[in-house]
Amino acid sequence: MKHIVKRHGRTETYDDRKLYASVFSACQAVRLSSDNAELIADKVVADVQTWIAQKHEVTSNDIRAQAAKSLKPYDPDAAYMYLHHRVVW
């Protein structure tokens, strides 16, 4: 189980459900259908899980950057929303 270093040094266990929800929300914010948002969120979460498995320690900012990088080929606008807006709803 991976631990994530948050902004103020606090750690928390990695939760792919949080990542999924935030990617899904970014996709919906740019008006992608729920079906497309679900597919994209699943793919981004899988990409980040593969990436994080190779790391000893990551920060929440590292995860945010990696998720945006993975999201960008699917929808650049959603990637922008994800990267630059903490709350998209």
N, C-alpha and C. Protein backbone atom coordinates (compact mmCIF):
# COMPACT_ATOMS: atom_id res chain seq x y z
N MET A 1 0.84 -1.18 0.00
CA MET A 1 0.00 0.00 0.00
C MET A 1 0.89 1.24 0.00
N LYS A 2 0.65 2.14 -0.94
CA LYS A 2 1.46 3.35 -1.06
C LYS A 2 0.90 4.47 -0.19
N HIS A 3 1.82 5.29 0.30
CA HIS A 3 1.43 6.46 1.07
C HIS A 3 1.77 7.70 0.26
N ILE A 4 0.90 8.65 0.34
CA ILE A 4 1.03 9.90 -0.40
C ILE A 4 1.38 11.01 0.58
N VAL A 5 2.37 11.80 0.23
CA VAL A 5 2.72 12.96 1.05
C VAL A 5 1.88 14.13 0.55
N LYS A 6 1.06 14.64 1.44
CA LYS A 6 0.17 15.74 1.09
C LYS A 6 0.91 17.07 1.20
N ARG A 7 0.21 18.15 0.85
CA ARG A 7 0.84 19.48 0.77
C ARG A 7 1.53 19.92 2.06
N HIS A 8 0.97 19.62 3.21
CA HIS A 8 1.54 20.12 4.46
C HIS A 8 2.34 19.05 5.19
N GLY A 9 2.80 18.03 4.43
CA GLY A 9 3.64 17.01 5.00
C GLY A 9 2.89 15.83 5.61
N ARG A 10 1.61 15.93 5.72
CA ARG A 10 0.79 14.83 6.25
C ARG A 10 0.79 13.70 5.22
N THR A 11 0.70 12.46 5.66
CA THR A 11 0.64 11.34 4.72
C THR A 11 -0.74 10.69 4.79
N GLU A 12 -1.11 10.09 3.69
CA GLU A 12 -2.36 9.34 3.65
C GLU A 12 -2.19 8.20 2.65
N THR A 13 -2.97 7.18 2.81
CA THR A 13 -2.91 6.02 1.93
C THR A 13 -3.48 6.39 0.57
N TYR A 14 -2.82 5.93 -0.48
CA TYR A 14 -3.29 6.17 -1.83
C TYR A 14 -4.67 5.54 -2.01
N ASP A 15 -5.59 6.28 -2.59
CA ASP A 15 -6.95 5.82 -2.81
C ASP A 15 -7.32 6.10 -4.25
N ASP A 16 -7.37 5.05 -5.07
CA ASP A 16 -7.65 5.27 -6.49
C ASP A 16 -9.08 5.75 -6.72
N ARG A 17 -9.97 5.57 -5.75
CA ARG A 17 -11.34 6.09 -5.90
C ARG A 17 -11.35 7.62 -5.91
N LYS A 18 -10.46 8.24 -5.13
CA LYS A 18 -10.36 9.70 -5.13
C LYS A 18 -9.85 10.20 -6.48
N LEU A 19 -8.85 9.52 -7.00
CA LEU A 19 -8.31 9.90 -8.31
C LEU A 19 -9.38 9.74 -9.38
N TYR A 20 -10.07 8.61 -9.37
CA TYR A 20 -11.13 8.35 -10.34
C TYR A 20 -12.17 9.47 -10.29
N ALA A 21 -12.62 9.80 -9.09
CA ALA A 21 -13.66 10.82 -8.94
C ALA A 21 -13.21 12.18 -9.47
N SER A 22 -11.97 12.54 -9.21
CA SER A 22 -11.50 13.85 -9.66
C SER A 22 -11.30 13.89 -11.18
N VAL A 23 -10.81 12.79 -11.77
CA VAL A 23 -10.66 12.74 -13.22
C VAL A 23 -12.04 12.73 -13.88
N PHE A 24 -12.95 11.95 -13.35
CA PHE A 24 -14.32 11.90 -13.86
C PHE A 24 -14.95 13.29 -13.83
N SER A 25 -14.78 14.00 -12.72
CA SER A 25 -15.34 15.36 -12.59
C SER A 25 -14.74 16.32 -13.60
N ALA A 26 -13.44 16.22 -13.82
CA ALA A 26 -12.80 17.10 -14.81
C ALA A 26 -13.36 16.81 -16.21
N CYS A 27 -13.58 15.54 -16.52
CA CYS A 27 -14.16 15.19 -17.82
C CYS A 27 -15.57 15.73 -17.96
N GLN A 28 -16.35 15.62 -16.91
CA GLN A 28 -17.71 16.14 -16.97
C GLN A 28 -17.73 17.67 -17.04
N ALA A 29 -16.73 18.31 -16.43
CA ALA A 29 -16.66 19.76 -16.46
C ALA A 29 -16.47 20.29 -17.88
N VAL A 30 -15.86 19.48 -18.74
CA VAL A 30 -15.68 19.90 -20.14
C VAL A 30 -16.74 19.25 -21.04
N ARG A 31 -17.80 18.78 -20.40
CA ARG A 31 -19.01 18.28 -21.08
C ARG A 31 -18.83 16.97 -21.84
N LEU A 32 -17.94 16.11 -21.37
CA LEU A 32 -17.88 14.77 -21.93
C LEU A 32 -19.04 13.96 -21.37
N SER A 33 -19.52 13.00 -22.12
CA SER A 33 -20.62 12.17 -21.64
C SER A 33 -20.15 11.35 -20.44
N SER A 34 -21.10 10.91 -19.65
CA SER A 34 -20.75 10.08 -18.49
C SER A 34 -20.04 8.81 -18.92
N ASP A 35 -20.48 8.21 -20.02
CA ASP A 35 -19.83 6.99 -20.51
C ASP A 35 -18.37 7.25 -20.87
N ASN A 36 -18.11 8.33 -21.61
CA ASN A 36 -16.73 8.66 -21.98
C ASN A 36 -15.91 9.03 -20.75
N ALA A 37 -16.51 9.78 -19.84
CA ALA A 37 -15.80 10.18 -18.62
C ALA A 37 -15.41 8.95 -17.81
N GLU A 38 -16.29 7.96 -17.73
CA GLU A 38 -15.99 6.72 -17.00
C GLU A 38 -14.83 5.97 -17.65
N LEU A 39 -14.88 5.82 -18.97
CA LEU A 39 -13.82 5.10 -19.68
C LEU A 39 -12.47 5.78 -19.50
N ILE A 40 -12.47 7.09 -19.66
CA ILE A 40 -11.22 7.85 -19.53
C ILE A 40 -10.70 7.78 -18.10
N ALA A 41 -11.57 7.95 -17.12
CA ALA A 41 -11.14 7.89 -15.72
C ALA A 41 -10.55 6.53 -15.40
N ASP A 42 -11.16 5.46 -15.90
CA ASP A 42 -10.61 4.12 -15.69
C ASP A 42 -9.20 4.00 -16.26
N LYS A 43 -9.01 4.52 -17.47
CA LYS A 43 -7.70 4.43 -18.13
C LYS A 43 -6.65 5.25 -17.38
N VAL A 44 -7.02 6.45 -16.96
CA VAL A 44 -6.07 7.30 -16.24
C VAL A 44 -5.69 6.66 -14.91
N VAL A 45 -6.67 6.13 -14.19
CA VAL A 45 -6.37 5.47 -12.91
C VAL A 45 -5.42 4.29 -13.13
N ALA A 46 -5.67 3.49 -14.16
CA ALA A 46 -4.79 2.36 -14.46
C ALA A 46 -3.37 2.84 -14.78
N ASP A 47 -3.26 3.91 -15.56
CA ASP A 47 -1.93 4.47 -15.88
C ASP A 47 -1.21 4.93 -14.61
N VAL A 48 -1.92 5.63 -13.75
CA VAL A 48 -1.30 6.15 -12.53
C VAL A 48 -0.94 5.00 -11.59
N GLN A 49 -1.77 3.98 -11.51
CA GLN A 49 -1.45 2.83 -10.66
C GLN A 49 -0.16 2.16 -11.12
N THR A 50 0.01 2.02 -12.42
CA THR A 50 1.24 1.43 -12.96
C THR A 50 2.43 2.31 -12.62
N TRP A 51 2.27 3.61 -12.78
CA TRP A 51 3.34 4.57 -12.49
C TRP A 51 3.69 4.56 -11.00
N ILE A 52 2.68 4.59 -10.14
CA ILE A 52 2.91 4.70 -8.70
C ILE A 52 3.53 3.42 -8.13
N ALA A 53 3.27 2.28 -8.75
CA ALA A 53 3.80 1.00 -8.27
C ALA A 53 5.33 0.99 -8.29
N GLN A 54 5.91 1.81 -9.12
CA GLN A 54 7.37 1.85 -9.27
C GLN A 54 8.02 2.90 -8.37
N LYS A 55 7.24 3.60 -7.59
CA LYS A 55 7.76 4.69 -6.76
C LYS A 55 7.82 4.28 -5.29
N HIS A 56 8.80 4.80 -4.60
CA HIS A 56 8.92 4.56 -3.17
C HIS A 56 8.01 5.53 -2.40
N GLU A 57 8.01 6.77 -2.83
CA GLU A 57 7.20 7.81 -2.18
C GLU A 57 6.77 8.81 -3.23
N VAL A 58 5.55 9.27 -3.14
CA VAL A 58 5.07 10.29 -4.08
C VAL A 58 4.30 11.34 -3.31
N THR A 59 4.23 12.52 -3.90
CA THR A 59 3.43 13.58 -3.32
C THR A 59 2.10 13.67 -4.06
N SER A 60 1.17 14.35 -3.48
CA SER A 60 -0.12 14.55 -4.15
C SER A 60 0.09 15.36 -5.43
N ASN A 61 1.07 16.25 -5.43
CA ASN A 61 1.36 17.02 -6.65
C ASN A 61 1.94 16.13 -7.74
N ASP A 62 2.76 15.15 -7.36
CA ASP A 62 3.28 14.18 -8.34
C ASP A 62 2.13 13.42 -9.00
N ILE A 63 1.19 12.98 -8.19
CA ILE A 63 0.04 12.24 -8.72
C ILE A 63 -0.78 13.13 -9.63
N ARG A 64 -1.01 14.37 -9.21
CA ARG A 64 -1.78 15.31 -10.02
C ARG A 64 -1.11 15.50 -11.39
N ALA A 65 0.19 15.70 -11.40
CA ALA A 65 0.91 15.91 -12.67
C ALA A 65 0.87 14.66 -13.55
N GLN A 66 1.06 13.49 -12.94
CA GLN A 66 1.03 12.25 -13.72
C GLN A 66 -0.36 11.97 -14.28
N ALA A 67 -1.38 12.22 -13.49
CA ALA A 67 -2.75 12.01 -13.96
C ALA A 67 -3.08 12.96 -15.11
N ALA A 68 -2.67 14.22 -14.99
CA ALA A 68 -2.92 15.19 -16.07
C ALA A 68 -2.18 14.77 -17.34
N LYS A 69 -0.97 14.28 -17.19
CA LYS A 69 -0.19 13.81 -18.34
C LYS A 69 -0.89 12.64 -19.02
N SER A 70 -1.44 11.75 -18.23
CA SER A 70 -2.15 10.60 -18.78
C SER A 70 -3.49 11.00 -19.40
N LEU A 71 -4.13 12.00 -18.84
CA LEU A 71 -5.44 12.46 -19.31
C LEU A 71 -5.34 13.27 -20.60
N LYS A 72 -4.25 13.98 -20.78
CA LYS A 72 -4.11 14.91 -21.91
C LYS A 72 -4.37 14.29 -23.28
N PRO A 73 -3.87 13.10 -23.61
CA PRO A 73 -4.15 12.53 -24.94
C PRO A 73 -5.64 12.24 -25.17
N TYR A 74 -6.36 11.97 -24.11
CA TYR A 74 -7.79 11.68 -24.24
C TYR A 74 -8.60 12.95 -24.41
N ASP A 75 -8.25 13.98 -23.64
CA ASP A 75 -8.96 15.26 -23.75
C ASP A 75 -8.10 16.36 -23.12
N PRO A 76 -7.44 17.18 -23.93
CA PRO A 76 -6.57 18.23 -23.39
C PRO A 76 -7.29 19.22 -22.48
N ASP A 77 -8.55 19.52 -22.80
CA ASP A 77 -9.30 20.46 -21.96
C ASP A 77 -9.58 19.87 -20.58
N ALA A 78 -9.92 18.60 -20.54
CA ALA A 78 -10.15 17.94 -19.25
C ALA A 78 -8.84 17.88 -18.46
N ALA A 79 -7.73 17.63 -19.14
CA ALA A 79 -6.43 17.61 -18.47
C ALA A 79 -6.11 18.97 -17.86
N TYR A 80 -6.42 20.02 -18.59
CA TYR A 80 -6.19 21.37 -18.08
C TYR A 80 -7.04 21.62 -16.84
N MET A 81 -8.32 21.25 -16.92
CA MET A 81 -9.22 21.43 -15.77
C MET A 81 -8.70 20.64 -14.57
N TYR A 82 -8.30 19.42 -14.81
CA TYR A 82 -7.81 18.57 -13.73
C TYR A 82 -6.57 19.18 -13.07
N LEU A 83 -5.66 19.65 -13.87
CA LEU A 83 -4.40 20.16 -13.36
C LEU A 83 -4.52 21.50 -12.65
N HIS A 84 -5.41 22.36 -13.14
CA HIS A 84 -5.43 23.74 -12.65
C HIS A 84 -6.60 24.12 -11.75
N HIS A 85 -7.55 23.23 -11.59
CA HIS A 85 -8.72 23.55 -10.77
C HIS A 85 -8.90 22.48 -9.71
N ARG A 86 -8.75 22.87 -8.46
CA ARG A 86 -8.87 21.91 -7.36
C ARG A 86 -10.30 21.39 -7.23
N VAL A 87 -11.28 22.25 -7.43
CA VAL A 87 -12.68 21.84 -7.36
C VAL A 87 -13.32 22.23 -8.66
N VAL A 88 -13.86 21.23 -9.38
CA VAL A 88 -14.41 21.52 -10.69
C VAL A 88 -15.94 21.49 -10.73
N TRP A 89 -16.58 21.25 -9.63
CA TRP A 89 -18.04 21.29 -9.66
C TRP A 89 -18.57 22.40 -8.82
